[in-house]
Amino acid sequence: LASASFPIVFPPVEIDGHLFVDGAARSNVVVVG
């Protein structure tokens, strides 16, 4: 849910006291490894 939460339009998601928003706000692609 956090990864898909476009900021301002969708609310952030709190996990362990941290606020998270859409992963694409900083990086639209993740390649692990």
Full PDB file with SEQRES, HELIX, SHEET, SSBOND, CRYST1, ORIGX, SCALE, CONECT and MASTER records, all heavy atoms in Angstrom:
SEQRES   1 A   33  LEU ALA SER ALA SER PHE PRO ILE VAL PHE PRO PRO VAL          
SEQRES   2 A   33  GLU ILE ASP GLY HIS LEU PHE VAL ASP GLY ALA ALA ARG          
SEQRES   3 A   33  SER ASN VAL VAL VAL VAL GLY                                  
HELIX    1 AA1 GLY A   23  ALA A   25  5                                   3    
SHEET    1 AA1 2 VAL A  13  ILE A  15  0                                        
SHEET    2 AA1 2 HIS A  18  PHE A  20 -1                                        
CRYST1    1.000    1.000    1.000  90.00  90.00  90.00 P 1           1          
ORIGX1      1.000000  0.000000  0.000000        0.00000                         
ORIGX2      0.000000  1.000000  0.000000        0.00000                         
ORIGX3      0.000000  0.000000  1.000000        0.00000                         
SCALE1      1.000000  0.000000  0.000000        0.00000                         
SCALE2      0.000000  1.000000  0.000000        0.00000                         
SCALE3      0.000000  0.000000  1.000000        0.00000                         
ATOM      1  N   LEU A   1       0.835  -1.204   0.000  1.00  0.00           N  
ATOM      2  CA  LEU A   1       0.000   0.000   0.000  1.00  0.00           C  
ATOM      3  C   LEU A   1       0.867   1.249   0.000  1.00  0.00           C  
ATOM      4  O   LEU A   1       0.591   2.210  -0.735  1.00  0.00           O  
ATOM      5  CB  LEU A   1      -0.927  -0.008   1.215  1.00  0.00           C  
ATOM      6  CG  LEU A   1      -1.874   1.185   1.344  1.00  0.00           C  
ATOM      7  CD1 LEU A   1      -2.844   1.233   0.163  1.00  0.00           C  
ATOM      8  CD2 LEU A   1      -2.647   1.127   2.664  1.00  0.00           C  
ATOM      9  N   ALA A   2       1.931   1.240   0.806  1.00  0.00           N  
ATOM     10  CA  ALA A   2       2.825   2.393   0.865  1.00  0.00           C  
ATOM     11  C   ALA A   2       3.460   2.662  -0.494  1.00  0.00           C  
ATOM     12  O   ALA A   2       3.530   3.810  -0.950  1.00  0.00           O  
ATOM     13  CB  ALA A   2       3.910   2.164   1.920  1.00  0.00           C  
ATOM     14  N   SER A   3       3.913   1.617  -1.152  1.00  0.00           N  
ATOM     15  CA  SER A   3       4.594   1.787  -2.435  1.00  0.00           C  
ATOM     16  C   SER A   3       3.672   2.379  -3.488  1.00  0.00           C  
ATOM     17  O   SER A   3       4.147   3.032  -4.427  1.00  0.00           O  
ATOM     18  CB  SER A   3       5.148   0.442  -2.925  1.00  0.00           C  
ATOM     19  OG  SER A   3       5.922   0.611  -4.091  1.00  0.00           O  
ATOM     20  N   ALA A   4       2.371   2.173  -3.336  1.00  0.00           N  
ATOM     21  CA  ALA A   4       1.399   2.655  -4.318  1.00  0.00           C  
ATOM     22  C   ALA A   4       0.666   3.921  -3.867  1.00  0.00           C  
ATOM     23  O   ALA A   4      -0.326   4.312  -4.492  1.00  0.00           O  
ATOM     24  CB  ALA A   4       0.384   1.554  -4.618  1.00  0.00           C  
ATOM     25  N   SER A   5       1.148   4.574  -2.807  1.00  0.00           N  
ATOM     26  CA  SER A   5       0.449   5.734  -2.241  1.00  0.00           C  
ATOM     27  C   SER A   5       1.024   7.030  -2.792  1.00  0.00           C  
ATOM     28  O   SER A   5       1.938   7.631  -2.213  1.00  0.00           O  
ATOM     29  CB  SER A   5       0.542   5.703  -0.709  1.00  0.00           C  
ATOM     30  OG  SER A   5      -0.207   4.618  -0.195  1.00  0.00           O  
ATOM     31  N   PHE A   6       0.465   7.464  -3.926  1.00  0.00           N  
ATOM     32  CA  PHE A   6       0.915   8.693  -4.586  1.00  0.00           C  
ATOM     33  C   PHE A   6       0.718   9.870  -3.644  1.00  0.00           C  
ATOM     34  O   PHE A   6      -0.399  10.131  -3.197  1.00  0.00           O  
ATOM     35  CB  PHE A   6       0.126   8.908  -5.877  1.00  0.00           C  
ATOM     36  CG  PHE A   6       0.680   9.968  -6.768  1.00  0.00           C  
ATOM     37  CD1 PHE A   6       1.642   9.663  -7.722  1.00  0.00           C  
ATOM     38  CD2 PHE A   6       0.258  11.290  -6.655  1.00  0.00           C  
ATOM     39  CE1 PHE A   6       2.156  10.653  -8.561  1.00  0.00           C  
ATOM     40  CE2 PHE A   6       0.767  12.277  -7.477  1.00  0.00           C  
ATOM     41  CZ  PHE A   6       1.732  11.953  -8.429  1.00  0.00           C  
ATOM     42  N   PRO A   7       1.796  10.613  -3.299  1.00  0.00           N  
ATOM     43  CA  PRO A   7       1.691  11.640  -2.260  1.00  0.00           C  
ATOM     44  C   PRO A   7       0.697  12.741  -2.590  1.00  0.00           C  
ATOM     45  O   PRO A   7       0.482  13.087  -3.746  1.00  0.00           O  
ATOM     46  CB  PRO A   7       3.125  12.180  -2.156  1.00  0.00           C  
ATOM     47  CG  PRO A   7       3.796  11.779  -3.429  1.00  0.00           C  
ATOM     48  CD  PRO A   7       3.150  10.515  -3.866  1.00  0.00           C  
ATOM     49  N   ILE A   8       0.091  13.248  -1.554  1.00  0.00           N  
ATOM     50  CA  ILE A   8      -0.955  14.268  -1.546  1.00  0.00           C  
ATOM     51  C   ILE A   8      -2.298  13.678  -1.983  1.00  0.00           C  
ATOM     52  O   ILE A   8      -3.312  13.883  -1.324  1.00  0.00           O  
ATOM     53  CB  ILE A   8      -0.613  15.507  -2.407  1.00  0.00           C  
ATOM     54  CG1 ILE A   8       0.677  16.155  -1.914  1.00  0.00           C  
ATOM     55  CG2 ILE A   8      -1.752  16.525  -2.367  1.00  0.00           C  
ATOM     56  CD1 ILE A   8       1.096  17.382  -2.706  1.00  0.00           C  
ATOM     57  N   VAL A   9      -2.313  12.928  -3.074  1.00  0.00           N  
ATOM     58  CA  VAL A   9      -3.569  12.309  -3.488  1.00  0.00           C  
ATOM     59  C   VAL A   9      -3.944  11.170  -2.541  1.00  0.00           C  
ATOM     60  O   VAL A   9      -5.084  11.077  -2.079  1.00  0.00           O  
ATOM     61  CB  VAL A   9      -3.469  11.794  -4.936  1.00  0.00           C  
ATOM     62  CG1 VAL A   9      -4.788  11.146  -5.354  1.00  0.00           C  
ATOM     63  CG2 VAL A   9      -3.134  12.933  -5.884  1.00  0.00           C  
ATOM     64  N   PHE A  10      -2.996  10.284  -2.231  1.00  0.00           N  
ATOM     65  CA  PHE A  10      -3.224   9.161  -1.327  1.00  0.00           C  
ATOM     66  C   PHE A  10      -2.444   9.381  -0.031  1.00  0.00           C  
ATOM     67  O   PHE A  10      -1.337   9.944  -0.057  1.00  0.00           O  
ATOM     68  CB  PHE A  10      -2.770   7.846  -1.962  1.00  0.00           C  
ATOM     69  CG  PHE A  10      -3.527   7.453  -3.213  1.00  0.00           C  
ATOM     70  CD1 PHE A  10      -2.987   6.548  -4.103  1.00  0.00           C  
ATOM     71  CD2 PHE A  10      -4.781   7.978  -3.489  1.00  0.00           C  
ATOM     72  CE1 PHE A  10      -3.667   6.172  -5.253  1.00  0.00           C  
ATOM     73  CE2 PHE A  10      -5.474   7.613  -4.636  1.00  0.00           C  
ATOM     74  CZ  PHE A  10      -4.916   6.706  -5.520  1.00  0.00           C  
ATOM     75  N   PRO A  11      -2.974   8.921   1.098  1.00  0.00           N  
ATOM     76  CA  PRO A  11      -2.289   9.157   2.374  1.00  0.00           C  
ATOM     77  C   PRO A  11      -1.031   8.306   2.515  1.00  0.00           C  
ATOM     78  O   PRO A  11      -0.949   7.211   1.957  1.00  0.00           O  
ATOM     79  CB  PRO A  11      -3.342   8.755   3.418  1.00  0.00           C  
ATOM     80  CG  PRO A  11      -4.249   7.803   2.714  1.00  0.00           C  
ATOM     81  CD  PRO A  11      -4.283   8.262   1.284  1.00  0.00           C  
ATOM     82  N   PRO A  12      -0.037   8.815   3.251  1.00  0.00           N  
ATOM     83  CA  PRO A  12       1.145   8.005   3.531  1.00  0.00           C  
ATOM     84  C   PRO A  12       0.787   6.848   4.451  1.00  0.00           C  
ATOM     85  O   PRO A  12      -0.262   6.842   5.098  1.00  0.00           O  
ATOM     86  CB  PRO A  12       2.097   8.994   4.212  1.00  0.00           C  
ATOM     87  CG  PRO A  12       1.207  10.032   4.801  1.00  0.00           C  
ATOM     88  CD  PRO A  12       0.026  10.137   3.890  1.00  0.00           C  
ATOM     89  N   VAL A  13       1.670   5.876   4.500  1.00  0.00           N  
ATOM     90  CA  VAL A  13       1.487   4.699   5.357  1.00  0.00           C  
ATOM     91  C   VAL A  13       2.587   4.712   6.411  1.00  0.00           C  
ATOM     92  O   VAL A  13       3.768   4.859   6.080  1.00  0.00           O  
ATOM     93  CB  VAL A  13       1.545   3.401   4.530  1.00  0.00           C  
ATOM     94  CG1 VAL A  13       1.440   2.171   5.437  1.00  0.00           C  
ATOM     95  CG2 VAL A  13       0.433   3.389   3.491  1.00  0.00           C  
ATOM     96  N   GLU A  14       2.202   4.577   7.657  1.00  0.00           N  
ATOM     97  CA  GLU A  14       3.182   4.581   8.744  1.00  0.00           C  
ATOM     98  C   GLU A  14       3.593   3.153   9.085  1.00  0.00           C  
ATOM     99  O   GLU A  14       2.744   2.290   9.325  1.00  0.00           O  
ATOM    100  CB  GLU A  14       2.628   5.282   9.982  1.00  0.00           C  
ATOM    101  CG  GLU A  14       3.648   5.400  11.107  1.00  0.00           C  
ATOM    102  CD  GLU A  14       3.223   6.368  12.197  1.00  0.00           C  
ATOM    103  OE1 GLU A  14       2.357   7.239  11.933  1.00  0.00           O  
ATOM    104  OE2 GLU A  14       3.762   6.252  13.311  1.00  0.00           O  
ATOM    105  N   ILE A  15       4.900   2.911   9.097  1.00  0.00           N  
ATOM    106  CA  ILE A  15       5.459   1.612   9.460  1.00  0.00           C  
ATOM    107  C   ILE A  15       6.585   1.863  10.446  1.00  0.00           C  
ATOM    108  O   ILE A  15       7.554   2.566  10.129  1.00  0.00           O  
ATOM    109  CB  ILE A  15       5.995   0.856   8.224  1.00  0.00           C  
ATOM    110  CG1 ILE A  15       4.879   0.639   7.189  1.00  0.00           C  
ATOM    111  CG2 ILE A  15       6.602  -0.477   8.638  1.00  0.00           C  
ATOM    112  CD1 ILE A  15       5.368   0.034   5.882  1.00  0.00           C  
ATOM    113  N   ASP A  16       6.464   1.326  11.651  1.00  0.00           N  
ATOM    114  CA  ASP A  16       7.489   1.474  12.691  1.00  0.00           C  
ATOM    115  C   ASP A  16       7.835   2.939  12.941  1.00  0.00           C  
ATOM    116  O   ASP A  16       8.996   3.301  13.163  1.00  0.00           O  
ATOM    117  CB  ASP A  16       8.756   0.703  12.319  1.00  0.00           C  
ATOM    118  CG  ASP A  16       8.562  -0.806  12.382  1.00  0.00           C  
ATOM    119  OD1 ASP A  16       7.644  -1.246  13.094  1.00  0.00           O  
ATOM    120  OD2 ASP A  16       9.320  -1.528  11.716  1.00  0.00           O  
ATOM    121  N   GLY A  17       6.825   3.807  12.892  1.00  0.00           N  
ATOM    122  CA  GLY A  17       7.047   5.213  13.182  1.00  0.00           C  
ATOM    123  C   GLY A  17       7.571   6.022  12.020  1.00  0.00           C  
ATOM    124  O   GLY A  17       7.741   7.240  12.124  1.00  0.00           O  
ATOM    125  N   HIS A  18       7.841   5.390  10.866  1.00  0.00           N  
ATOM    126  CA  HIS A  18       8.294   6.079   9.662  1.00  0.00           C  
ATOM    127  C   HIS A  18       7.113   6.278   8.713  1.00  0.00           C  
ATOM    128  O   HIS A  18       6.234   5.421   8.621  1.00  0.00           O  
ATOM    129  CB  HIS A  18       9.363   5.262   8.933  1.00  0.00           C  
ATOM    130  CG  HIS A  18      10.582   4.975   9.748  1.00  0.00           C  
ATOM    131  ND1 HIS A  18      11.625   5.862   9.892  1.00  0.00           N  
ATOM    132  CD2 HIS A  18      10.934   3.875  10.472  1.00  0.00           C  
ATOM    133  CE1 HIS A  18      12.569   5.330  10.653  1.00  0.00           C  
ATOM    134  NE2 HIS A  18      12.165   4.124  11.023  1.00  0.00           N  
ATOM    135  N   LEU A  19       7.113   7.394   7.989  1.00  0.00           N  
ATOM    136  CA  LEU A  19       6.074   7.641   6.994  1.00  0.00           C  
ATOM    137  C   LEU A  19       6.596   7.293   5.604  1.00  0.00           C  
ATOM    138  O   LEU A  19       7.673   7.745   5.201  1.00  0.00           O  
ATOM    139  CB  LEU A  19       5.626   9.105   7.014  1.00  0.00           C  
ATOM    140  CG  LEU A  19       4.635   9.531   8.100  1.00  0.00           C  
ATOM    141  CD1 LEU A  19       4.159  10.955   7.847  1.00  0.00           C  
ATOM    142  CD2 LEU A  19       3.450   8.579   8.186  1.00  0.00           C  
ATOM    143  N   PHE A  20       5.787   6.506   4.880  1.00  0.00           N  
ATOM    144  CA  PHE A  20       6.163   6.062   3.537  1.00  0.00           C  
ATOM    145  C   PHE A  20       5.117   6.475   2.526  1.00  0.00           C  
ATOM    146  O   PHE A  20       3.912   6.437   2.795  1.00  0.00           O  
ATOM    147  CB  PHE A  20       6.321   4.534   3.504  1.00  0.00           C  
ATOM    148  CG  PHE A  20       7.473   4.025   4.324  1.00  0.00           C  
ATOM    149  CD1 PHE A  20       7.283   3.649   5.648  1.00  0.00           C  
ATOM    150  CD2 PHE A  20       8.747   3.931   3.783  1.00  0.00           C  
ATOM    151  CE1 PHE A  20       8.333   3.187   6.413  1.00  0.00           C  
ATOM    152  CE2 PHE A  20       9.807   3.471   4.540  1.00  0.00           C  
ATOM    153  CZ  PHE A  20       9.603   3.098   5.857  1.00  0.00           C  
ATOM    154  N   VAL A  21       5.607   6.849   1.329  1.00  0.00           N  
ATOM    155  CA  VAL A  21       4.726   7.136   0.198  1.00  0.00           C  
ATOM    156  C   VAL A  21       5.228   6.356  -1.011  1.00  0.00           C  
ATOM    157  O   VAL A  21       6.174   5.565  -0.920  1.00  0.00           O  
ATOM    158  CB  VAL A  21       4.669   8.647  -0.115  1.00  0.00           C  
ATOM    159  CG1 VAL A  21       4.119   9.422   1.063  1.00  0.00           C  
ATOM    160  CG2 VAL A  21       6.042   9.181  -0.527  1.00  0.00           C  
ATOM    161  N   ASP A  22       4.592   6.616  -2.121  1.00  0.00           N  
ATOM    162  CA  ASP A  22       4.869   5.944  -3.390  1.00  0.00           C  
ATOM    163  C   ASP A  22       6.374   5.843  -3.656  1.00  0.00           C  
ATOM    164  O   ASP A  22       7.106   6.834  -3.606  1.00  0.00           O  
ATOM    165  CB  ASP A  22       4.205   6.747  -4.507  1.00  0.00           C  
ATOM    166  CG  ASP A  22       4.047   5.966  -5.790  1.00  0.00           C  
ATOM    167  OD1 ASP A  22       5.034   5.358  -6.245  1.00  0.00           O  
ATOM    168  OD2 ASP A  22       2.930   5.980  -6.344  1.00  0.00           O  
ATOM    169  N   GLY A  23       6.821   4.630  -3.965  1.00  0.00           N  
ATOM    170  CA  GLY A  23       8.233   4.435  -4.264  1.00  0.00           C  
ATOM    171  C   GLY A  23       8.703   5.251  -5.442  1.00  0.00           C  
ATOM    172  O   GLY A  23       9.881   5.651  -5.519  1.00  0.00           O  
ATOM    173  N   ALA A  24       7.790   5.542  -6.379  1.00  0.00           N  
ATOM    174  CA  ALA A  24       8.157   6.304  -7.572  1.00  0.00           C  
ATOM    175  C   ALA A  24       8.442   7.766  -7.272  1.00  0.00           C  
ATOM    176  O   ALA A  24       8.937   8.489  -8.141  1.00  0.00           O  
ATOM    177  CB  ALA A  24       7.055   6.192  -8.625  1.00  0.00           C  
ATOM    178  N   ALA A  25       8.150   8.228  -6.044  1.00  0.00           N  
ATOM    179  CA  ALA A  25       8.458   9.611  -5.701  1.00  0.00           C  
ATOM    180  C   ALA A  25       9.962   9.873  -5.771  1.00  0.00           C  
ATOM    181  O   ALA A  25      10.395  10.998  -6.018  1.00  0.00           O  
ATOM    182  CB  ALA A  25       7.932   9.937  -4.296  1.00  0.00           C  
ATOM    183  N   ARG A  26      10.784   8.828  -5.565  1.00  0.00           N  
ATOM    184  CA  ARG A  26      12.240   8.975  -5.667  1.00  0.00           C  
ATOM    185  C   ARG A  26      12.850   8.106  -6.753  1.00  0.00           C  
ATOM    186  O   ARG A  26      13.824   8.482  -7.382  1.00  0.00           O  
ATOM    187  CB  ARG A  26      12.926   8.648  -4.334  1.00  0.00           C  
ATOM    188  CG  ARG A  26      12.743   9.684  -3.269  1.00  0.00           C  
ATOM    189  CD  ARG A  26      13.799   9.578  -2.167  1.00  0.00           C  
ATOM    190  NE  ARG A  26      15.043  10.251  -2.524  1.00  0.00           N  
ATOM    191  CZ  ARG A  26      16.176   9.629  -2.770  1.00  0.00           C  
ATOM    192  NH1 ARG A  26      16.238   8.313  -2.741  1.00  0.00           N  
ATOM    193  NH2 ARG A  26      17.275  10.307  -3.059  1.00  0.00           N  
ATOM    194  N   SER A  27      12.298   6.914  -6.948  1.00  0.00           N  
ATOM    195  CA  SER A  27      12.872   6.011  -7.943  1.00  0.00           C  
ATOM    196  C   SER A  27      11.766   5.159  -8.533  1.00  0.00           C  
ATOM    197  O   SER A  27      11.129   4.374  -7.818  1.00  0.00           O  
ATOM    198  CB  SER A  27      13.940   5.110  -7.308  1.00  0.00           C  
ATOM    199  OG  SER A  27      14.484   4.224  -8.259  1.00  0.00           O  
ATOM    200  N   ASN A  28      11.546   5.316  -9.837  1.00  0.00           N  
ATOM    201  CA  ASN A  28      10.443   4.623 -10.497  1.00  0.00           C  
ATOM    202  C   ASN A  28      10.775   3.183 -10.858  1.00  0.00           C  
ATOM    203  O   ASN A  28       9.925   2.449 -11.353  1.00  0.00           O  
ATOM    204  CB  ASN A  28      10.053   5.388 -11.776  1.00  0.00           C  
ATOM    205  CG  ASN A  28       8.574   5.255 -12.080  1.00  0.00           C  
ATOM    206  OD1 ASN A  28       7.828   4.627 -11.345  1.00  0.00           O  
ATOM    207  ND2 ASN A  28       8.147   5.839 -13.175  1.00  0.00           N  
ATOM    208  N   VAL A  29      12.019   2.783 -10.598  1.00  0.00           N  
ATOM    209  CA  VAL A  29      12.459   1.432 -10.924  1.00  0.00           C  
ATOM    210  C   VAL A  29      13.346   0.919  -9.796  1.00  0.00           C  
ATOM    211  O   VAL A  29      14.184   1.666  -9.272  1.00  0.00           O  
ATOM    212  CB  VAL A  29      13.254   1.396 -12.253  1.00  0.00           C  
ATOM    213  CG1 VAL A  29      13.893   0.034 -12.480  1.00  0.00           C  
ATOM    214  CG2 VAL A  29      12.348   1.748 -13.427  1.00  0.00           C  
ATOM    215  N   VAL A  30      13.164  -0.331  -9.422  1.00  0.00           N  
ATOM    216  CA  VAL A  30      14.050  -0.993  -8.467  1.00  0.00           C  
ATOM    217  C   VAL A  30      14.549  -2.283  -9.103  1.00  0.00           C  
ATOM    218  O   VAL A  30      13.756  -3.122  -9.528  1.00  0.00           O  
ATOM    219  CB  VAL A  30      13.327  -1.319  -7.142  1.00  0.00           C  
ATOM    220  CG1 VAL A  30      14.146  -2.301  -6.313  1.00  0.00           C  
ATOM    221  CG2 VAL A  30      13.090  -0.046  -6.346  1.00  0.00           C  
ATOM    222  N   VAL A  31      15.866  -2.406  -9.203  1.00  0.00           N  
ATOM    223  CA  VAL A  31      16.484  -3.648  -9.658  1.00  0.00           C  
ATOM    224  C   VAL A  31      17.386  -4.139  -8.543  1.00  0.00           C  
ATOM    225  O   VAL A  31      18.414  -3.523  -8.242  1.00  0.00           O  
ATOM    226  CB  VAL A  31      17.292  -3.463 -10.960  1.00  0.00           C  
ATOM    227  CG1 VAL A  31      17.891  -4.793 -11.398  1.00  0.00           C  
ATOM    228  CG2 VAL A  31      16.402  -2.906 -12.062  1.00  0.00           C  
ATOM    229  N   VAL A  32      16.991  -5.204  -7.894  1.00  0.00           N  
ATOM    230  CA  VAL A  32      17.753  -5.738  -6.769  1.00  0.00           C  
ATOM    231  C   VAL A  32      18.956  -6.511  -7.296  1.00  0.00           C  
ATOM    232  O   VAL A  32      18.879  -7.195  -8.313  1.00  0.00           O  
ATOM    233  CB  VAL A  32      16.860  -6.665  -5.919  1.00  0.00           C  
ATOM    234  CG1 VAL A  32      17.622  -7.189  -4.708  1.00  0.00           C  
ATOM    235  CG2 VAL A  32      15.617  -5.917  -5.467  1.00  0.00           C  
ATOM    236  N   GLY A  33      20.082  -6.379  -6.602  1.00  0.00           N  
ATOM    237  CA  GLY A  33      21.250  -7.171  -6.966  1.00  0.00           C  
ATOM    238  C   GLY A  33      22.362  -6.391  -7.601  1.00  0.00           C  
ATOM    239  O   GLY A  33      23.355  -6.954  -8.050  1.00  0.00           O  
TER     240      GLY A  33                                                      
MASTER        0    0    0    1    2    0    0    6  239    1    0    3          
END                                                                             
